[in-house]
């Protein structure tokens, strides 16, 4: 966490808007301004404060402030998660955000790719997913492996 905090202080484009319940932080966001875009990178709240809807207040405040900034072209509220999170998607749509489709490329480290990007490994993960449908880690792993398979070889290294 120290590195994240140091980077935030070193980069004026990074901000951490928050809402408080009294003197206690109830929810926060990590945002990044990139030219004419505002990216909402992360949002977190205290479990015990959820009945008071601090995420709603924070999303509303940040979204409203962004709409008032004439120099902003768009706000990006993140990608679709690598696991089923219909509630999160609906939450964003209710605030007026819209989904813009794009394709991502997933490239595994060569050592991992040699082991995990094989039909046998993908089949093992698929079988494990059938046995444990509710497991988000397995769902995410299956999505990443399928993304790596369908992405093919990279044209240039990152």
Protein backbone atom coordinates (compact mmCIF):
# COMPACT_ATOMS: atom_id res chain seq x y z
CA UNK A 1 0.00 0.00 0.00
CA UNK A 2 2.91 2.36 0.66
CA UNK A 3 3.82 2.43 -3.03
CA UNK A 4 0.24 3.31 -4.03
CA UNK A 5 0.14 6.19 -1.55
CA UNK A 6 3.56 7.47 -2.67
CA UNK A 7 2.48 7.31 -6.32
CA UNK A 8 -0.72 9.18 -5.52
CA UNK A 9 1.18 12.03 -3.85
CA UNK A 10 3.66 12.16 -6.74
CA UNK A 11 0.93 12.31 -9.42
CA UNK A 12 -1.51 15.23 -9.29
CA UNK A 13 -3.86 13.37 -11.67
CA UNK A 14 -4.62 10.77 -8.97
CA UNK A 15 -7.32 11.59 -6.40
CA UNK A 16 -9.04 9.76 -3.57
CA UNK A 17 -12.51 11.27 -3.02
CA UNK A 18 -14.23 9.90 0.07
CA UNK A 19 -17.40 10.11 2.16
CA UNK A 20 -17.38 10.11 5.93
CA UNK A 21 -19.75 9.05 8.66
CA UNK A 22 -18.79 11.50 11.36
CA UNK A 23 -15.01 11.38 11.55
CA UNK A 24 -14.80 7.84 10.14
CA UNK A 25 -14.28 7.19 6.42
CA UNK A 26 -17.26 5.21 5.09
CA UNK A 27 -16.22 4.87 1.42
CA UNK A 28 -13.52 6.03 -0.97
CA UNK A 29 -12.60 5.96 -4.64
CA UNK A 30 -9.33 6.04 -6.50
CA UNK A 31 -9.62 8.18 -9.64
CA UNK A 32 -7.17 9.20 -12.33
CA UNK A 33 -7.48 12.12 -14.70
CA UNK A 34 -6.05 11.31 -18.13
CA UNK A 35 -6.32 14.28 -20.45
CA UNK A 36 -10.08 14.61 -21.16
CA UNK A 37 -11.08 11.41 -19.33
CA UNK A 38 -11.68 10.67 -15.68
CA UNK A 39 -11.12 7.01 -14.78
CA UNK A 40 -12.72 5.56 -11.65
CA UNK A 41 -10.14 2.91 -10.83
CA UNK A 42 -11.38 1.51 -7.53
CA UNK A 43 -14.18 1.99 -5.02
CA UNK A 44 -14.44 0.53 -1.53
CA UNK A 45 -16.67 0.97 1.48
CA UNK A 46 -16.97 -0.33 5.01
CA UNK A 47 -19.32 -3.29 5.22
CA UNK A 48 -21.04 -1.90 8.31
CA UNK A 49 -21.82 1.38 6.51
CA UNK A 50 -23.56 -0.23 3.50
CA UNK A 51 -27.09 0.32 4.94
CA UNK A 52 -26.37 4.08 4.69
CA UNK A 53 -25.43 3.82 0.97
CA UNK A 54 -22.03 5.59 1.07
CA UNK A 55 -21.12 4.18 -2.37
CA UNK A 56 -24.22 5.75 -3.89
CA UNK A 57 -23.36 9.12 -2.38
CA UNK A 58 -19.76 8.91 -3.55
CA UNK A 59 -20.67 7.77 -7.08
CA UNK A 60 -23.26 10.54 -7.34
CA UNK A 61 -20.87 13.24 -6.08
CA UNK A 62 -17.97 12.22 -8.34
CA UNK A 63 -20.25 11.77 -11.38
CA UNK A 64 -21.98 15.13 -10.82
CA UNK A 65 -18.67 16.94 -10.37
CA UNK A 66 -17.41 15.33 -13.62
CA UNK A 67 -20.50 16.48 -15.56
CA UNK A 68 -19.84 20.04 -14.41
CA UNK A 69 -16.23 19.95 -15.66
CA UNK A 70 -16.42 21.22 -19.24
CA UNK A 71 -12.86 20.04 -19.92
CA UNK A 72 -13.87 16.39 -19.41
CA UNK A 73 -15.03 14.36 -22.40
CA UNK A 74 -15.95 11.15 -20.57
CA UNK A 75 -15.86 9.21 -17.32
CA UNK A 76 -14.76 5.58 -17.39
CA UNK A 77 -16.19 3.51 -14.52
CA UNK A 78 -14.03 0.48 -15.22
CA UNK A 79 -14.28 -2.67 -17.23
CA UNK A 80 -16.77 -5.50 -16.94
CA UNK A 81 -15.45 -7.78 -14.18
CA UNK A 82 -13.85 -11.12 -15.01
CA UNK A 83 -16.56 -12.83 -12.93
CA UNK A 84 -20.34 -12.50 -12.89
CA UNK A 85 -21.29 -9.29 -11.13
CA UNK A 86 -24.66 -8.33 -12.58
CA UNK A 87 -25.43 -6.16 -9.55
CA UNK A 88 -22.35 -4.03 -10.14
CA UNK A 89 -23.21 -3.59 -13.82
CA UNK A 90 -26.80 -2.60 -12.97
CA UNK A 91 -25.50 -0.18 -10.31
CA UNK A 92 -23.40 1.64 -12.93
CA UNK A 93 -26.25 1.72 -15.47
CA UNK A 94 -28.65 3.20 -12.88
CA UNK A 95 -26.23 6.10 -12.46
CA UNK A 96 -26.44 6.81 -16.18
CA UNK A 97 -23.23 5.15 -17.29
CA UNK A 98 -23.35 3.21 -20.52
CA UNK A 99 -21.32 0.25 -21.62
CA UNK A 100 -19.01 0.76 -24.56
CA UNK A 101 -17.76 -2.54 -25.97
CA UNK A 102 -14.07 -3.07 -26.59
CA UNK A 103 -11.72 -6.01 -26.89
CA UNK A 104 -8.83 -6.63 -24.55
CA UNK A 105 -5.80 -8.82 -25.03
CA UNK A 106 -4.64 -11.10 -22.23
CA UNK A 107 -1.02 -12.18 -22.39
CA UNK A 108 0.28 -14.56 -19.75
CA UNK A 109 3.90 -14.71 -18.63
CA UNK A 110 5.65 -17.19 -20.99
CA UNK A 111 6.26 -19.71 -18.18
CA UNK A 112 2.59 -19.60 -17.11
CA UNK A 113 1.42 -19.64 -20.70
CA UNK A 114 3.32 -22.87 -21.38
CA UNK A 115 1.45 -24.58 -18.55
CA UNK A 116 -1.96 -22.87 -18.36
CA UNK A 117 -2.73 -22.08 -22.00
CA UNK A 118 -3.09 -25.75 -22.88
CA UNK A 119 -6.32 -27.60 -23.62
CA UNK A 120 -5.82 -29.92 -20.62
CA UNK A 121 -5.45 -27.02 -18.17
CA UNK A 122 -8.48 -25.21 -19.57
CA UNK A 123 -10.51 -28.43 -19.38
CA UNK A 124 -9.48 -28.97 -15.74
CA UNK A 125 -10.58 -25.44 -14.85
CA UNK A 126 -13.86 -25.87 -16.75
CA UNK A 127 -14.60 -29.11 -14.82
CA UNK A 128 -13.73 -27.43 -11.51
CA UNK A 129 -16.10 -24.58 -12.42
CA UNK A 130 -18.94 -27.03 -13.04
CA UNK A 131 -18.37 -28.52 -9.60
CA UNK A 132 -18.09 -25.12 -7.86
CA UNK A 133 -20.28 -22.69 -9.83
CA UNK A 134 -20.26 -20.05 -7.07
CA UNK A 135 -16.45 -19.83 -6.86
CA UNK A 136 -15.48 -16.41 -8.27
CA UNK A 137 -11.75 -17.22 -8.34
CA UNK A 138 -12.38 -20.22 -10.62
CA UNK A 139 -14.71 -18.13 -12.78
CA UNK A 140 -12.05 -15.42 -13.09
CA UNK A 141 -9.35 -18.01 -13.89
CA UNK A 142 -11.56 -19.56 -16.59
CA UNK A 143 -12.20 -16.11 -18.10
CA UNK A 144 -8.49 -15.20 -18.07
CA UNK A 145 -7.47 -18.51 -19.66
CA UNK A 146 -10.11 -18.17 -22.37
CA UNK A 147 -8.98 -14.59 -22.98
CA UNK A 148 -5.36 -15.69 -23.29
CA UNK A 149 -6.34 -18.47 -25.67
CA UNK A 150 -8.43 -16.22 -27.89
CA UNK A 151 -5.89 -13.37 -27.81
CA UNK A 152 -3.25 -15.44 -29.59
CA UNK A 153 0.40 -14.44 -29.78
CA UNK A 154 1.22 -10.82 -29.03
CA UNK A 155 2.61 -8.72 -31.86
CA UNK A 156 4.75 -6.63 -29.55
CA UNK A 157 5.83 -7.03 -25.93
CA UNK A 158 4.34 -4.71 -23.30
